[in-house]
Amino acid sequence: MHARAGARPSWLRRATGAVAASITRHPLRWGAGWAVVVLAALAATATTARFELTWAVLLALLIAPSLIATIIVLAATPRRRLDQHSSVFGHFFVRYVTLVLAFVAWCASIVLGATISTSIQLAAEGREDEVAGIGFELLASVVPIVAVVLWGAFIARCAWFLARIRGWREAPEETGIPARLLATRPRRRRVVIGLAHPGLLIATGVLACAGLLVAESAELVLNL
């Protein structure tokens, strides 16, 4: 009997099944391997003509698996689950760190504002009609950098939530994640929880933010 048209060869089915089983058993390792491959691609394309566009796409791919899994897990987890796993010290410590970071950001905004003002005056050389244009150009260059920094803080916050509700193991036996999440698909649930690892999220998030900051800073220097 001839194989059906379009049917996959048996070796391909076996290979696909083996890869799927491996991902199910070791989702964190596959997530880390994905990150290594994307980082290698980033290093290989650092000197290409379309440097910024290529980096933006690759950096999005770098953090995508862990970020998508994190969104799925945190979207399905009510806030009260975190309260059950959080201590009084952890609650106040996080608030303390948030206030310190807010104060640092406020001080940085003052320094940045003074720097921009001085740069505008020097660039305009007394031509008042050019001040607004130069100011908007600098603002357009600075806003992406601020957005990346705030995104990094958001990633760190999400990683902290993950550490509280699922711990640091690749496949935790008990978590604060609701049982209804992918309840009918246990293998997919295991992969999602494995990829939503706080260490993987913070590592890929920091690397992605660092790469974006390098690209945006280079563009800002060129504009100045």
Protein backbone atom coordinates (compact mmCIF):
# COMPACT_ATOMS: atom_id res chain seq x y z
CA MET A 1 0.00 0.00 0.00
CA HIS A 2 1.40 3.35 -0.99
CA ALA A 3 1.80 6.09 1.62
CA ARG A 4 -0.84 8.78 1.46
CA ALA A 5 0.10 11.87 -0.53
CA GLY A 6 1.49 14.53 1.74
CA ALA A 7 2.09 12.11 4.62
CA ARG A 8 5.30 12.67 6.52
CA PRO A 9 8.01 10.00 6.30
CA SER A 10 8.30 7.74 9.32
CA TRP A 11 11.78 9.03 10.20
CA LEU A 12 10.48 12.59 10.23
CA ARG A 13 7.59 11.61 12.50
CA ARG A 14 9.99 9.87 14.88
CA ALA A 15 12.37 12.85 14.89
CA THR A 16 9.51 15.29 15.50
CA GLY A 17 8.16 13.14 18.32
CA ALA A 18 11.60 12.87 19.92
CA VAL A 19 12.12 16.64 19.80
CA ALA A 20 8.64 17.28 21.23
CA ALA A 21 9.26 14.79 24.04
CA SER A 22 12.62 16.39 24.81
CA ILE A 23 11.09 19.87 24.94
CA THR A 24 8.39 18.56 27.28
CA ARG A 25 10.98 16.99 29.62
CA HIS A 26 13.48 19.87 29.55
CA PRO A 27 11.73 23.12 28.54
CA LEU A 28 14.22 25.31 30.40
CA ARG A 29 17.20 23.76 28.61
CA TRP A 30 15.55 24.30 25.25
CA GLY A 31 14.76 27.89 26.20
CA ALA A 32 18.39 28.48 27.15
CA GLY A 33 19.54 26.80 23.93
CA TRP A 34 17.25 29.06 21.93
CA ALA A 35 18.77 32.08 23.64
CA VAL A 36 22.30 30.91 22.80
CA VAL A 37 21.39 30.45 19.12
CA VAL A 38 19.81 33.91 18.91
CA LEU A 39 22.82 35.49 20.64
CA ALA A 40 25.10 33.82 18.11
CA ALA A 41 22.96 35.27 15.32
CA LEU A 42 23.21 38.69 16.96
CA ALA A 43 26.98 38.48 17.03
CA ALA A 44 27.06 37.39 13.39
CA THR A 45 24.86 40.28 12.22
CA ALA A 46 26.45 43.06 14.29
CA THR A 47 28.23 44.48 11.23
CA THR A 48 25.41 44.20 8.70
CA ALA A 49 24.10 47.23 6.85
CA ARG A 50 20.67 47.03 8.51
CA PHE A 51 22.15 46.71 11.98
CA GLU A 52 19.33 48.28 14.02
CA LEU A 53 16.44 46.52 12.27
CA THR A 54 18.19 43.14 12.42
CA TRP A 55 19.01 43.56 16.10
CA ALA A 56 15.45 44.60 16.95
CA VAL A 57 14.03 41.46 15.31
CA LEU A 58 16.59 39.13 16.90
CA LEU A 59 16.21 40.70 20.34
CA ALA A 60 12.45 40.20 20.10
CA LEU A 61 13.06 36.54 19.21
CA LEU A 62 15.51 36.25 22.11
CA ILE A 63 12.98 37.06 24.79
CA ALA A 64 9.85 35.81 23.01
CA PRO A 65 9.61 32.22 24.37
CA SER A 66 10.06 33.17 28.01
CA LEU A 67 7.98 36.34 27.76
CA ILE A 68 5.04 34.64 26.03
CA ALA A 69 5.08 31.84 28.60
CA THR A 70 5.29 34.41 31.42
CA ILE A 71 2.30 36.31 30.06
CA ILE A 72 0.27 33.09 29.87
CA VAL A 73 1.19 32.11 33.44
CA LEU A 74 0.72 35.53 35.06
CA ALA A 75 -2.49 36.26 33.16
CA ALA A 76 -4.03 33.08 34.57
CA THR A 77 -2.76 33.62 38.14
CA PRO A 78 -4.84 35.84 40.44
CA ARG A 79 -3.06 38.33 42.67
CA ARG A 80 -4.17 36.58 45.85
CA ARG A 81 -1.92 33.62 44.95
CA LEU A 82 1.09 35.92 45.26
CA ASP A 83 -0.08 37.14 48.65
CA GLN A 84 -0.13 33.54 49.84
CA HIS A 85 3.53 33.10 48.90
CA SER A 86 4.85 36.52 49.92
CA SER A 87 6.24 37.52 53.31
CA VAL A 88 5.97 40.84 55.13
CA PHE A 89 9.70 41.42 54.61
CA GLY A 90 9.44 40.68 50.88
CA HIS A 91 6.50 43.06 50.59
CA PHE A 92 8.33 45.97 52.22
CA PHE A 93 11.66 45.20 50.53
CA VAL A 94 10.10 45.36 47.08
CA ARG A 95 8.43 48.66 47.95
CA TYR A 96 11.75 50.01 49.23
CA VAL A 97 13.59 49.03 46.04
CA THR A 98 10.79 50.59 43.97
CA LEU A 99 11.11 53.89 45.84
CA VAL A 100 14.90 53.92 45.44
CA LEU A 101 14.60 53.28 41.71
CA ALA A 102 11.95 55.98 41.40
CA PHE A 103 14.25 58.49 43.16
CA VAL A 104 17.16 57.52 40.90
CA ALA A 105 14.95 57.94 37.83
CA TRP A 106 13.81 61.37 39.07
CA CYS A 107 17.40 62.52 39.60
CA ALA A 108 18.39 61.16 36.19
CA SER A 109 15.52 63.05 34.57
CA ILE A 110 16.78 66.31 36.08
CA VAL A 111 20.32 65.72 34.80
CA LEU A 112 19.02 64.58 31.41
CA GLY A 113 16.77 67.63 31.14
CA ALA A 114 19.67 69.98 31.88
CA THR A 115 21.86 68.16 29.37
CA ILE A 116 19.23 68.38 26.65
CA SER A 117 18.68 72.08 27.34
CA THR A 118 22.39 72.81 27.09
CA SER A 119 22.74 70.70 23.94
CA ILE A 120 19.86 72.54 22.30
CA GLN A 121 21.35 75.95 23.07
CA LEU A 122 24.77 74.92 21.78
CA ALA A 123 23.36 73.34 18.64
CA ALA A 124 21.04 76.24 17.84
CA GLU A 125 23.79 78.86 18.40
CA GLY A 126 21.30 81.54 19.24
CA ARG A 127 18.90 80.77 16.37
CA GLU A 128 15.64 80.61 18.27
CA ASP A 129 13.69 79.25 15.32
CA GLU A 130 15.76 76.03 15.44
CA VAL A 131 15.46 75.42 19.17
CA ALA A 132 12.10 73.61 19.00
CA GLY A 133 13.15 71.40 16.10
CA ILE A 134 16.37 70.34 17.78
CA GLY A 135 14.53 69.74 21.04
CA PHE A 136 11.99 67.42 19.41
CA GLU A 137 14.76 65.52 17.61
CA LEU A 138 16.61 64.93 20.88
CA LEU A 139 13.36 63.99 22.61
CA ALA A 140 12.60 61.42 19.90
CA SER A 141 16.06 59.92 20.50
CA VAL A 142 15.81 59.89 24.30
CA VAL A 143 12.27 58.51 24.71
CA PRO A 144 13.14 55.02 23.33
CA ILE A 145 16.03 54.76 25.80
CA VAL A 146 13.73 55.63 28.71
CA ALA A 147 11.14 53.15 27.42
CA VAL A 148 13.78 50.38 27.31
CA VAL A 149 14.87 51.12 30.89
CA LEU A 150 11.26 51.01 32.11
CA TRP A 151 10.74 47.77 30.16
CA GLY A 152 13.73 46.29 31.99
CA ALA A 153 12.13 47.23 35.32
CA PHE A 154 8.88 45.60 34.18
CA ILE A 155 10.73 42.39 33.25
CA ALA A 156 12.46 42.35 36.65
CA ARG A 157 9.11 42.76 38.39
CA CYS A 158 7.58 39.89 36.39
CA ALA A 159 10.57 37.69 37.23
CA TRP A 160 10.05 38.42 40.92
CA PHE A 161 6.39 37.38 40.63
CA LEU A 162 7.38 34.16 38.88
CA ALA A 163 9.91 33.34 41.60
CA ARG A 164 7.18 33.70 44.22
CA ILE A 165 4.50 31.58 42.56
CA ARG A 166 6.54 28.82 40.81
CA GLY A 167 10.01 28.86 42.38
CA TRP A 168 13.29 28.28 40.58
CA ARG A 169 13.01 24.62 39.57
CA GLU A 170 12.63 23.71 35.92
CA ALA A 171 9.53 21.63 36.56
CA PRO A 172 8.17 22.44 40.05
CA GLU A 173 5.78 19.87 41.50
CA GLU A 174 3.74 22.42 43.45
CA THR A 175 3.11 25.98 42.32
CA GLY A 176 0.74 28.85 42.92
CA ILE A 177 -0.37 28.64 39.29
CA PRO A 178 -4.07 27.71 38.97
CA ALA A 179 -4.72 24.09 38.01
CA ARG A 180 -7.14 25.25 35.30
CA LEU A 181 -4.26 26.62 33.21
CA LEU A 182 -3.98 24.17 30.27
CA ALA A 183 -5.58 21.52 32.48
CA THR A 184 -6.50 19.39 29.45
CA ARG A 185 -3.00 19.68 27.96
CA PRO A 186 -0.54 18.62 30.68
CA ARG A 187 2.46 18.48 28.34
CA ARG A 188 1.84 21.99 27.08
CA ARG A 189 1.32 23.17 30.65
CA ARG A 190 4.70 21.70 31.64
CA VAL A 191 6.43 23.46 28.73
CA VAL A 192 4.78 26.80 29.49
CA ILE A 193 5.66 26.65 33.18
CA GLY A 194 9.19 25.55 32.34
CA LEU A 195 9.75 28.44 29.94
CA ALA A 196 8.18 30.90 32.39
CA HIS A 197 11.28 30.58 34.56
CA PRO A 198 12.39 33.69 36.49
CA GLY A 199 16.06 33.11 35.69
CA LEU A 200 15.44 32.65 31.96
CA LEU A 201 13.15 35.68 31.83
CA ILE A 202 15.56 37.99 33.65
CA ALA A 203 18.57 36.76 31.64
CA THR A 204 16.95 37.19 28.23
CA GLY A 205 15.24 40.39 29.35
CA VAL A 206 18.48 42.00 30.54
CA LEU A 207 20.30 40.95 27.37
CA ALA A 208 17.49 42.29 25.18
CA CYS A 209 17.40 45.60 27.06
CA ALA A 210 21.19 45.91 26.89
CA GLY A 211 21.14 45.30 23.15
CA LEU A 212 18.42 47.87 22.59
CA LEU A 213 20.24 50.40 24.76
CA VAL A 214 23.42 49.91 22.73
CA ALA A 215 21.55 50.47 19.48
CA GLU A 216 19.60 53.48 20.75
CA SER A 217 22.65 55.05 22.42
CA ALA A 218 24.64 54.71 19.20
CA GLU A 219 21.86 56.46 17.29
CA LEU A 220 21.66 59.21 19.92
CA VAL A 221 25.40 59.86 19.74
CA LEU A 222 25.23 60.05 15.95
CA ASN A 223 22.36 62.54 16.15
CA LEU A 224 24.30 64.73 18.57
